[in-house]
Amino acid sequence: MPMYTYQIINDDGSRGELVQIEHGMNEPALTEHPETGQRVERVYAAPHVAGWGSERKGKELTSDENVGRLGFTKYVRNGKGHYEKHTGTGPDHFSVDK
């Protein structure tokens, strides 16, 4: 069963501590803490999805090997305005004059 984050609402209306409560995803959001009976509100947050948005996957997708295999050219900055080719076709280096 998934874990959900709830915030306790104190008697004076102020917000209390955050708690994680496990319950089924088909069940409605809780309005009371199941153990203490205190009023709670569900806290919504963006889910963490490993895969396309992970740092590891990003490095894998932009690796020299993968970029070259897909037919792209990858240049890496080597000093102010100077770029060197790491993979692909094209000039070995170029500079950008400002």
PDB file of N, CA and C in Angstrom:
ATOM      1  N   MET A   1       0.844  -1.191   0.000  1.00  0.00           N
ATOM      2  CA  MET A   1       0.000   0.000   0.000  1.00  0.00           C
ATOM      3  C   MET A   1       0.886   1.250   0.000  1.00  0.00           C
ATOM      4  N   PRO A   2       0.438   2.305  -0.664  1.00  0.00           N
ATOM      5  CA  PRO A   2       1.243   3.532  -0.727  1.00  0.00           C
ATOM      6  C   PRO A   2       1.205   4.323   0.573  1.00  0.00           C
ATOM      7  N   MET A   3       2.256   5.108   0.763  1.00  0.00           N
ATOM      8  CA  MET A   3       2.356   6.008   1.926  1.00  0.00           C
ATOM      9  C   MET A   3       1.917   7.399   1.478  1.00  0.00           C
ATOM     10  N   TYR A   4       1.129   8.055   2.304  1.00  0.00           N
ATOM     11  CA  TYR A   4       0.679   9.417   2.027  1.00  0.00           C
ATOM     12  C   TYR A   4       1.135  10.321   3.151  1.00  0.00           C
ATOM     13  N   THR A   5       1.438  11.572   2.813  1.00  0.00           N
ATOM     14  CA  THR A   5       1.858  12.550   3.802  1.00  0.00           C
ATOM     15  C   THR A   5       0.660  13.400   4.194  1.00  0.00           C
ATOM     16  N   TYR A   6       0.474  13.530   5.501  1.00  0.00           N
ATOM     17  CA  TYR A   6      -0.598  14.352   6.058  1.00  0.00           C
ATOM     18  C   TYR A   6       0.007  15.341   7.033  1.00  0.00           C
ATOM     19  N   GLN A   7      -0.657  16.491   7.181  1.00  0.00           N
ATOM     20  CA  GLN A   7      -0.232  17.473   8.167  1.00  0.00           C
ATOM     21  C   GLN A   7      -1.311  17.580   9.232  1.00  0.00           C
ATOM     22  N   ILE A   8      -0.863  17.507  10.469  1.00  0.00           N
ATOM     23  CA  ILE A   8      -1.803  17.621  11.589  1.00  0.00           C
ATOM     24  C   ILE A   8      -2.240  19.075  11.720  1.00  0.00           C
ATOM     25  N   ILE A   9      -3.540  19.278  11.915  1.00  0.00           N
ATOM     26  CA  ILE A   9      -4.098  20.612  12.134  1.00  0.00           C
ATOM     27  C   ILE A   9      -4.422  20.712  13.616  1.00  0.00           C
ATOM     28  N   ASN A  10      -3.731  21.617  14.302  1.00  0.00           N
ATOM     29  CA  ASN A  10      -3.922  21.785  15.747  1.00  0.00           C
ATOM     30  C   ASN A  10      -5.303  22.367  16.041  1.00  0.00           C
ATOM     31  N   ASP A  11      -5.718  22.294  17.300  1.00  0.00           N
ATOM     32  CA  ASP A  11      -7.030  22.797  17.710  1.00  0.00           C
ATOM     33  C   ASP A  11      -7.208  24.288  17.419  1.00  0.00           C
ATOM     34  N   ASP A  12      -6.093  25.047  17.469  1.00  0.00           N
ATOM     35  CA  ASP A  12      -6.188  26.490  17.213  1.00  0.00           C
ATOM     36  C   ASP A  12      -6.124  26.813  15.707  1.00  0.00           C
ATOM     37  N   GLY A  13      -6.068  25.790  14.866  1.00  0.00           N
ATOM     38  CA  GLY A  13      -6.047  25.990  13.420  1.00  0.00           C
ATOM     39  C   GLY A  13      -4.654  26.065  12.827  1.00  0.00           C
ATOM     40  N   SER A  14      -3.627  26.128  13.683  1.00  0.00           N
ATOM     41  CA  SER A  14      -2.256  26.176  13.170  1.00  0.00           C
ATOM     42  C   SER A  14      -1.841  24.796  12.667  1.00  0.00           C
ATOM     43  N   ARG A  15      -0.833  24.802  11.854  1.00  0.00           N
ATOM     44  CA  ARG A  15      -0.372  23.549  11.264  1.00  0.00           C
ATOM     45  C   ARG A  15       0.659  22.896  12.181  1.00  0.00           C
ATOM     46  N   GLY A  16       0.487  21.595  12.356  1.00  0.00           N
ATOM     47  CA  GLY A  16       1.394  20.834  13.209  1.00  0.00           C
ATOM     48  C   GLY A  16       2.381  20.032  12.381  1.00  0.00           C
ATOM     49  N   GLU A  17       2.822  18.930  12.947  1.00  0.00           N
ATOM     50  CA  GLU A  17       3.846  18.112  12.304  1.00  0.00           C
ATOM     51  C   GLU A  17       3.302  17.351  11.092  1.00  0.00           C
ATOM     52  N   LEU A  18       4.227  16.934  10.239  1.00  0.00           N
ATOM     53  CA  LEU A  18       3.895  16.099   9.098  1.00  0.00           C
ATOM     54  C   LEU A  18       4.014  14.638   9.507  1.00  0.00           C
ATOM     55  N   VAL A  19       3.071  13.824   9.088  1.00  0.00           N
ATOM     56  CA  VAL A  19       3.101  12.392   9.379  1.00  0.00           C
ATOM     57  C   VAL A  19       2.846  11.631   8.088  1.00  0.00           C
ATOM     58  N   GLN A  20       3.395  10.421   8.020  1.00  0.00           N
ATOM     59  CA  GLN A  20       3.138   9.568   6.872  1.00  0.00           C
ATOM     60  C   GLN A  20       2.235   8.429   7.312  1.00  0.00           C
ATOM     61  N   ILE A  21       1.184   8.228   6.546  1.00  0.00           N
ATOM     62  CA  ILE A  21       0.188   7.215   6.884  1.00  0.00           C
ATOM     63  C   ILE A  21      -0.017   6.336   5.663  1.00  0.00           C
ATOM     64  N   GLU A  22      -0.043   5.040   5.884  1.00  0.00           N
ATOM     65  CA  GLU A  22      -0.238   4.080   4.811  1.00  0.00           C
ATOM     66  C   GLU A  22      -1.718   3.735   4.705  1.00  0.00           C
ATOM     67  N   HIS A  23      -2.260   3.870   3.490  1.00  0.00           N
ATOM     68  CA  HIS A  23      -3.631   3.418   3.230  1.00  0.00           C
ATOM     69  C   HIS A  23      -3.803   3.205   1.736  1.00  0.00           C
ATOM     70  N   GLY A  24      -4.823   2.491   1.360  1.00  0.00           N
ATOM     71  CA  GLY A  24      -5.054   2.133  -0.037  1.00  0.00           C
ATOM     72  C   GLY A  24      -5.314   3.340  -0.912  1.00  0.00           C
ATOM     73  N   MET A  25      -4.891   3.249  -2.162  1.00  0.00           N
ATOM     74  CA  MET A  25      -5.070   4.389  -3.062  1.00  0.00           C
ATOM     75  C   MET A  25      -6.517   4.570  -3.493  1.00  0.00           C
ATOM     76  N   ASN A  26      -7.352   3.560  -3.323  1.00  0.00           N
ATOM     77  CA  ASN A  26      -8.778   3.696  -3.654  1.00  0.00           C
ATOM     78  C   ASN A  26      -9.589   4.254  -2.494  1.00  0.00           C
ATOM     79  N   GLU A  27      -8.953   4.389  -1.324  1.00  0.00           N
ATOM     80  CA  GLU A  27      -9.634   4.957  -0.162  1.00  0.00           C
ATOM     81  C   GLU A  27      -9.600   6.479  -0.248  1.00  0.00           C
ATOM     82  N   PRO A  28     -10.628   7.152   0.259  1.00  0.00           N
ATOM     83  CA  PRO A  28     -10.606   8.620   0.245  1.00  0.00           C
ATOM     84  C   PRO A  28      -9.546   9.156   1.200  1.00  0.00           C
ATOM     85  N   ALA A  29      -9.123  10.404   0.981  1.00  0.00           N
ATOM     86  CA  ALA A  29      -8.138  11.038   1.857  1.00  0.00           C
ATOM     87  C   ALA A  29      -8.681  11.091   3.283  1.00  0.00           C
ATOM     88  N   LEU A  30      -7.770  10.885   4.238  1.00  0.00           N
ATOM     89  CA  LEU A  30      -8.177  10.906   5.644  1.00  0.00           C
ATOM     90  C   LEU A  30      -8.460  12.330   6.104  1.00  0.00           C
ATOM     91  N   THR A  31      -9.336  12.458   7.082  1.00  0.00           N
ATOM     92  CA  THR A  31      -9.599  13.754   7.714  1.00  0.00           C
ATOM     93  C   THR A  31      -9.183  13.735   9.174  1.00  0.00           C
ATOM     94  N   GLU A  32      -8.960  12.522   9.720  1.00  0.00           N
ATOM     95  CA  GLU A  32      -8.513  12.357  11.104  1.00  0.00           C
ATOM     96  C   GLU A  32      -7.371  11.362  11.154  1.00  0.00           C
ATOM     97  N   HIS A  33      -6.427  11.611  12.057  1.00  0.00           N
ATOM     98  CA  HIS A  33      -5.320  10.672  12.258  1.00  0.00           C
ATOM     99  C   HIS A  33      -5.909   9.367  12.801  1.00  0.00           C
ATOM    100  N   PRO A  34      -5.576   8.218  12.206  1.00  0.00           N
ATOM    101  CA  PRO A  34      -6.201   6.963  12.611  1.00  0.00           C
ATOM    102  C   PRO A  34      -5.898   6.539  14.049  1.00  0.00           C
ATOM    103  N   GLU A  35      -4.770   7.001  14.622  1.00  0.00           N
ATOM    104  CA  GLU A  35      -4.422   6.605  15.988  1.00  0.00           C
ATOM    105  C   GLU A  35      -4.802   7.647  17.028  1.00  0.00           C
ATOM    106  N   THR A  36      -4.596   8.935  16.711  1.00  0.00           N
ATOM    107  CA  THR A  36      -4.812   9.983  17.710  1.00  0.00           C
ATOM    108  C   THR A  36      -6.153  10.698  17.558  1.00  0.00           C
ATOM    109  N   GLY A  37      -6.763  10.610  16.385  1.00  0.00           N
ATOM    110  CA  GLY A  37      -8.031  11.292  16.153  1.00  0.00           C
ATOM    111  C   GLY A  37      -7.879  12.770  15.843  1.00  0.00           C
ATOM    112  N   GLN A  38      -6.643  13.275  15.770  1.00  0.00           N
ATOM    113  CA  GLN A  38      -6.421  14.685  15.452  1.00  0.00           C
ATOM    114  C   GLN A  38      -6.812  14.939  13.996  1.00  0.00           C
ATOM    115  N   ARG A  39      -7.243  16.171  13.727  1.00  0.00           N
ATOM    116  CA  ARG A  39      -7.604  16.547  12.367  1.00  0.00           C
ATOM    117  C   ARG A  39      -6.347  16.594  11.505  1.00  0.00           C
ATOM    118  N   VAL A  40      -6.424  16.071  10.271  1.00  0.00           N
ATOM    119  CA  VAL A  40      -5.290  16.083   9.346  1.00  0.00           C
ATOM    120  C   VAL A  40      -5.743  16.534   7.965  1.00  0.00           C
ATOM    121  N   GLU A  41      -4.789  17.056   7.203  1.00  0.00           N
ATOM    122  CA  GLU A  41      -5.011  17.406   5.802  1.00  0.00           C
ATOM    123  C   GLU A  41      -3.921  16.742   4.985  1.00  0.00           C
ATOM    124  N   ARG A  42      -4.302  16.243   3.833  1.00  0.00           N
ATOM    125  CA  ARG A  42      -3.333  15.580   2.973  1.00  0.00           C
ATOM    126  C   ARG A  42      -2.430  16.616   2.310  1.00  0.00           C
ATOM    127  N   VAL A  43      -1.145  16.311   2.257  1.00  0.00           N
ATOM    128  CA  VAL A  43      -0.155  17.184   1.629  1.00  0.00           C
ATOM    129  C   VAL A  43       0.190  16.575   0.277  1.00  0.00           C
ATOM    130  N   TYR A  44      -0.009  17.337  -0.781  1.00  0.00           N
ATOM    131  CA  TYR A  44       0.272  16.844  -2.120  1.00  0.00           C
ATOM    132  C   TYR A  44       1.669  17.271  -2.534  1.00  0.00           C
ATOM    133  N   ALA A  45       2.405  16.353  -3.125  1.00  0.00           N
ATOM    134  CA  ALA A  45       3.760  16.627  -3.600  1.00  0.00           C
ATOM    135  C   ALA A  45       3.966  15.908  -4.918  1.00  0.00           C
ATOM    136  N   ALA A  46       4.865  16.438  -5.711  1.00  0.00           N
ATOM    137  CA  ALA A  46       5.189  15.795  -6.989  1.00  0.00           C
ATOM    138  C   ALA A  46       5.849  14.452  -6.715  1.00  0.00           C
ATOM    139  N   PRO A  47       5.470  13.412  -7.433  1.00  0.00           N
ATOM    140  CA  PRO A  47       6.082  12.112  -7.205  1.00  0.00           C
ATOM    141  C   PRO A  47       7.503  12.074  -7.747  1.00  0.00           C
ATOM    142  N   HIS A  48       8.326  11.256  -7.139  1.00  0.00           N
ATOM    143  CA  HIS A  48       9.672  11.039  -7.647  1.00  0.00           C
ATOM    144  C   HIS A  48       9.629   9.793  -8.513  1.00  0.00           C
ATOM    145  N   VAL A  49       9.937   9.963  -9.774  1.00  0.00           N
ATOM    146  CA  VAL A  49       9.920   8.840 -10.698  1.00  0.00           C
ATOM    147  C   VAL A  49      11.332   8.642 -11.217  1.00  0.00           C
ATOM    148  N   ALA A  50      11.955   7.564 -10.820  1.00  0.00           N
ATOM    149  CA  ALA A  50      13.298   7.274 -11.316  1.00  0.00           C
ATOM    150  C   ALA A  50      13.186   6.848 -12.771  1.00  0.00           C
ATOM    151  N   GLY A  51      14.115   7.222 -13.551  1.00  0.00           N
ATOM    152  CA  GLY A  51      14.084   6.865 -14.966  1.00  0.00           C
ATOM    153  C   GLY A  51      14.485   8.041 -15.809  1.00  0.00           C
ATOM    154  N   TRP A  52      13.575   8.557 -16.601  1.00  0.00           N
ATOM    155  CA  TRP A  52      13.901   9.636 -17.525  1.00  0.00           C
ATOM    156  C   TRP A  52      14.374  10.897 -16.826  1.00  0.00           C
ATOM    157  N   GLY A  53      13.876  11.174 -15.646  1.00  0.00           N
ATOM    158  CA  GLY A  53      14.256  12.404 -14.956  1.00  0.00           C
ATOM    159  C   GLY A  53      15.413  12.246 -14.001  1.00  0.00           C
ATOM    160  N   SER A  54      15.997  11.046 -13.906  1.00  0.00           N
ATOM    161  CA  SER A  54      17.069  10.841 -12.948  1.00  0.00           C
ATOM    162  C   SER A  54      18.401  11.322 -13.509  1.00  0.00           C
ATOM    163  N   GLU A  55      19.299  11.689 -12.617  1.00  0.00           N
ATOM    164  CA  GLU A  55      20.615  12.171 -13.018  1.00  0.00           C
ATOM    165  C   GLU A  55      21.387  11.075 -13.762  1.00  0.00           C
ATOM    166  N   ARG A  56      21.275   9.848 -13.287  1.00  0.00           N
ATOM    167  CA  ARG A  56      21.971   8.721 -13.920  1.00  0.00           C
ATOM    168  C   ARG A  56      21.500   8.539 -15.361  1.00  0.00           C
ATOM    169  N   LYS A  57      20.196   8.586 -15.562  1.00  0.00           N
ATOM    170  CA  LYS A  57      19.641   8.402 -16.905  1.00  0.00           C
ATOM    171  C   LYS A  57      20.059   9.550 -17.828  1.00  0.00           C
ATOM    172  N   GLY A  58      20.108  10.760 -17.295  1.00  0.00           N
ATOM    173  CA  GLY A  58      20.538  11.910 -18.083  1.00  0.00           C
ATOM    174  C   GLY A  58      21.971  11.766 -18.563  1.00  0.00           C
ATOM    175  N   LYS A  59      22.858  11.298 -17.679  1.00  0.00           N
ATOM    176  CA  LYS A  59      24.251  11.082 -18.070  1.00  0.00           C
ATOM    177  C   LYS A  59      24.355   9.981 -19.111  1.00  0.00           C
ATOM    178  N   GLU A  60      23.551   8.945 -18.951  1.00  0.00           N
ATOM    179  CA  GLU A  60      23.559   7.840 -19.915  1.00  0.00           C
ATOM    180  C   GLU A  60      23.100   8.319 -21.295  1.00  0.00           C
ATOM    181  N   LEU A  61      22.034   9.108 -21.334  1.00  0.00           N
ATOM    182  CA  LEU A  61      21.490   9.579 -22.612  1.00  0.00           C
ATOM    183  C   LEU A  61      22.431  10.533 -23.334  1.00  0.00           C
ATOM    184  N   THR A  62      23.206  11.316 -22.588  1.00  0.00           N
ATOM    185  CA  THR A  62      24.093  12.300 -23.208  1.00  0.00           C
ATOM    186  C   THR A  62      25.545  11.842 -23.242  1.00  0.00           C
ATOM    187  N   SER A  63      25.802  10.559 -22.999  1.00  0.00           N
ATOM    188  CA  SER A  63      27.172  10.044 -23.059  1.00  0.00           C
ATOM    189  C   SER A  63      27.698  10.170 -24.481  1.00  0.00           C
ATOM    190  N   ASP A  64      29.020  10.287 -24.603  1.00  0.00           N
ATOM    191  CA  ASP A  64      29.639  10.403 -25.927  1.00  0.00           C
ATOM    192  C   ASP A  64      29.242   9.232 -26.822  1.00  0.00           C
ATOM    193  N   GLU A  65      29.259   8.037 -26.261  1.00  0.00           N
ATOM    194  CA  GLU A  65      28.930   6.839 -27.032  1.00  0.00           C
ATOM    195  C   GLU A  65      27.503   6.897 -27.576  1.00  0.00           C
ATOM    196  N   ASN A  66      26.549   7.255 -26.730  1.00  0.00           N
ATOM    197  CA  ASN A  66      25.144   7.281 -27.146  1.00  0.00           C
ATOM    198  C   ASN A  66      24.879   8.402 -28.144  1.00  0.00           C
ATOM    199  N   VAL A  67      25.443   9.571 -27.905  1.00  0.00           N
ATOM    200  CA  VAL A  67      25.242  10.712 -28.800  1.00  0.00           C
ATOM    201  C   VAL A  67      25.806  10.402 -30.182  1.00  0.00           C
ATOM    202  N   GLY A  68      27.019   9.833 -30.224  1.00  0.00           N
ATOM    203  CA  GLY A  68      27.632   9.473 -31.500  1.00  0.00           C
ATOM    204  C   GLY A  68      26.853   8.394 -32.228  1.00  0.00           C
ATOM    205  N   ARG A  69      26.375   7.410 -31.495  1.00  0.00           N
ATOM    206  CA  ARG A  69      25.603   6.318 -32.083  1.00  0.00           C
ATOM    207  C   ARG A  69      24.338   6.841 -32.753  1.00  0.00           C
ATOM    208  N   LEU A  70      23.754   7.885 -32.201  1.00  0.00           N
ATOM    209  CA  LEU A  70      22.527   8.455 -32.746  1.00  0.00           C
ATOM    210  C   LEU A  70      22.776   9.479 -33.856  1.00  0.00           C
ATOM    211  N   GLY A  71      24.055   9.693 -34.214  1.00  0.00           N
ATOM    212  CA  GLY A  71      24.375  10.573 -35.333  1.00  0.00           C
ATOM    213  C   GLY A  71      24.561  12.038 -34.980  1.00  0.00           C
ATOM    214  N   PHE A  72      24.684  12.357 -33.712  1.00  0.00           N
ATOM    215  CA  PHE A  72      24.893  13.739 -33.298  1.00  0.00           C
ATOM    216  C   PHE A  72      26.364  14.009 -33.065  1.00  0.00           C
ATOM    217  N   THR A  73      26.720  15.269 -33.066  1.00  0.00           N
ATOM    218  CA  THR A  73      28.071  15.692 -32.723  1.00  0.00           C
ATOM    219  C   THR A  73      28.000  16.397 -31.377  1.00  0.00           C
ATOM    220  N   LYS A  74      28.945  16.051 -30.500  1.00  0.00           N
ATOM    221  CA  LYS A  74      28.954  16.639 -29.161  1.00  0.00           C
ATOM    222  C   LYS A  74      30.237  17.440 -28.969  1.00  0.00           C
ATOM    223  N   TYR A  75      30.068  18.723 -28.654  1.00  0.00           N
ATOM    224  CA  TYR A  75      31.191  19.596 -28.335  1.00  0.00           C
ATOM    225  C   TYR A  75      31.140  19.934 -26.857  1.00  0.00           C
ATOM    226  N   VAL A  76      32.316  19.997 -26.240  1.00  0.00           N
ATOM    227  CA  VAL A  76      32.412  20.323 -24.822  1.00  0.00           C
ATOM    228  C   VAL A  76      33.278  21.570 -24.674  1.00  0.00           C
ATOM    229  N   ARG A  77      32.826  22.481 -23.845  1.00  0.00           N
ATOM    230  CA  ARG A  77      33.530  23.740 -23.628  1.00  0.00           C
ATOM    231  C   ARG A  77      34.892  23.469 -22.990  1.00  0.00           C
ATOM    232  N   ASN A  78      35.913  24.104 -23.550  1.00  0.00           N
ATOM    233  CA  ASN A  78      37.267  23.958 -23.040  1.00  0.00           C
ATOM    234  C   ASN A  78      37.886  25.351 -22.970  1.00  0.00           C
ATOM    235  N   GLY A  79      37.453  26.119 -22.026  1.00  0.00           N
ATOM    236  CA  GLY A  79      37.915  27.495 -21.912  1.00  0.00           C
ATOM    237  C   GLY A  79      36.843  28.441 -22.425  1.00  0.00           C
ATOM    238  N   LYS A  80      37.094  29.719 -22.205  1.00  0.00           N
ATOM    239  CA  LYS A  80      36.119  30.744 -22.569  1.00  0.00           C
ATOM    240  C   LYS A  80      35.970  30.849 -24.083  1.00  0.00           C
ATOM    241  N   GLY A  81      34.807  30.447 -24.584  1.00  0.00           N
ATOM    242  CA  GLY A  81      34.520  30.554 -26.002  1.00  0.00           C
ATOM    243  C   GLY A  81      35.180  29.497 -26.864  1.00  0.00           C
ATOM    244  N   HIS A  82      35.826  28.506 -26.279  1.00  0.00           N
ATOM    245  CA  HIS A  82      36.506  27.461 -27.052  1.00  0.00           C
ATOM    246  C   HIS A  82      35.837  26.115 -26.775  1.00  0.00           C
ATOM    247  N   TYR A  83      35.547  25.367 -27.843  1.00  0.00           N
ATOM    248  CA  TYR A  83      34.866  24.083 -27.731  1.00  0.00           C
ATOM    249  C   TYR A  83      35.635  23.013 -28.492  1.00  0.00           C
ATOM    250  N   GLU A  84      35.706  21.803 -27.907  1.00  0.00           N
ATOM    251  CA  GLU A  84      36.375  20.678 -28.542  1.00  0.00           C
ATOM    252  C   GLU A  84      35.375  19.568 -28.801  1.00  0.00           C
ATOM    253  N   LYS A  85      35.534  18.890 -29.943  1.00  0.00           N
ATOM    254  CA  LYS A  85      34.634  17.804 -30.315  1.00  0.00           C
ATOM    255  C   LYS A  85      34.967  16.564 -29.480  1.00  0.00           C
ATOM    256  N   HIS A  86      33.921  15.946 -28.927  1.00  0.00           N
ATOM    257  CA  HIS A  86      34.091  14.694 -28.191  1.00  0.00           C
ATOM    258  C   HIS A  86      33.626  13.500 -29.007  1.00  0.00           C
ATOM    259  N   THR A  87      32.648  13.690 -29.862  1.00  0.00           N
ATOM    260  CA  THR A  87      32.164  12.603 -30.702  1.00  0.00           C
ATOM    261  C   THR A  87      31.417  13.182 -31.900  1.00  0.00           C
ATOM    262  N   GLY A  88      31.294  12.402 -32.956  1.00  0.00           N
ATOM    263  CA  GLY A  88      30.547  12.827 -34.137  1.00  0.00           C
ATOM    264  C   GLY A  88      31.443  13.360 -35.230  1.00  0.00           C
ATOM    265  N   THR A  89      30.820  14.013 -36.198  1.00  0.00           N
ATOM    266  CA  THR A  89      31.562  14.567 -37.335  1.00  0.00           C
ATOM    267  C   THR A  89      31.597  16.074 -37.225  1.00  0.00           C
ATOM    268  N   GLY A  90      32.496  16.686 -37.986  1.00  0.00           N
ATOM    269  CA  GLY A  90      32.629  18.136 -37.943  1.00  0.00           C
ATOM    270  C   GLY A  90      34.014  18.533 -37.501  1.00  0.00           C
ATOM    271  N   PRO A  91      34.253  19.836 -37.388  1.00  0.00           N
ATOM    272  CA  PRO A  91      35.588  20.296 -36.999  1.00  0.00           C
ATOM    273  C   PRO A  91      35.967  19.796 -35.601  1.00  0.00           C
ATOM    274  N   ASP A  92      37.280  19.576 -35.394  1.00  0.00           N
ATOM    275  CA  ASP A  92      37.756  19.075 -34.101  1.00  0.00           C
ATOM    276  C   ASP A  92      37.588  20.090 -32.980  1.00  0.00           C
ATOM    277  N   HIS A  93      37.589  21.381 -33.328  1.00  0.00           N
ATOM    278  CA  HIS A  93      37.400  22.425 -32.315  1.00  0.00           C
ATOM    279  C   HIS A  93      36.952  23.706 -33.012  1.00  0.00           C
ATOM    280  N   PHE A  94      36.385  24.607 -32.240  1.00  0.00           N
ATOM    281  CA  PHE A  94      36.016  25.910 -32.781  1.00  0.00           C
ATOM    282  C   PHE A  94      35.963  26.900 -31.633  1.00  0.00           C
ATOM    283  N   SER A  95      36.077  28.165 -31.986  1.00  0.00           N
ATOM    284  CA  SER A  95      36.029  29.241 -30.996  1.00  0.00           C
ATOM    285  C   SER A  95      34.902  30.198 -31.357  1.00  0.00           C
ATOM    286  N   VAL A  96      34.343  30.809 -30.373  1.00  0.00           N
ATOM    287  CA  VAL A  96      33.282  31.778 -30.565  1.00  0.00           C
ATOM    288  C   VAL A  96      33.846  33.136 -30.182  1.00  0.00           C
ATOM    289  N   ASP A  97      33.965  34.022 -31.157  1.00  0.00           N
ATOM    290  CA  ASP A  97      34.472  35.383 -30.893  1.00  0.00           C
ATOM    291  C   ASP A  97      33.295  36.273 -30.583  1.00  0.00           C
ATOM    292  N   LYS A  98      33.440  37.060 -29.541  1.00  0.00           N
ATOM    293  CA  LYS A  98      32.359  37.970 -29.140  1.00  0.00           C
ATOM    294  C   LYS A  98      32.692  39.377 -29.532  1.00  0.00           C
TER     295      LYS A  98
END
